[in-house]
């Protein structure tokens, strides 16, 4: 099955307020980076971006075919962004998965 034959899947990529505060340029850079990623993988696209007032998390809602693109994207971010860890959890809105970029654990 080709990626284009697979159903589109919605997923969220977020940046914690602590990571954004420590690396102030990351939120703007990630917006551009995601746009460029679409040029490499047309099955990937950003549907919208918002700031979650309750948590301070900056969120991009993305859509892609299959499971691999988001994990590949997160691995590729490691070459362009300061060290981070990923927290994988259900989105507060329900139904989608959120990958949260956060400061690495101390030690």
Foldseek 3Di string as FASTA:
>chain_A
DDLVPADKAKAKEKEAPQQCVVPVCVVVVVVVVQVVVCVVPVQKDWPDWDQDPVGRITMTIMMGGDDPPVVVSVVVVPVVDDDWDWDWDADPVGDHIYTYTYHDDDD
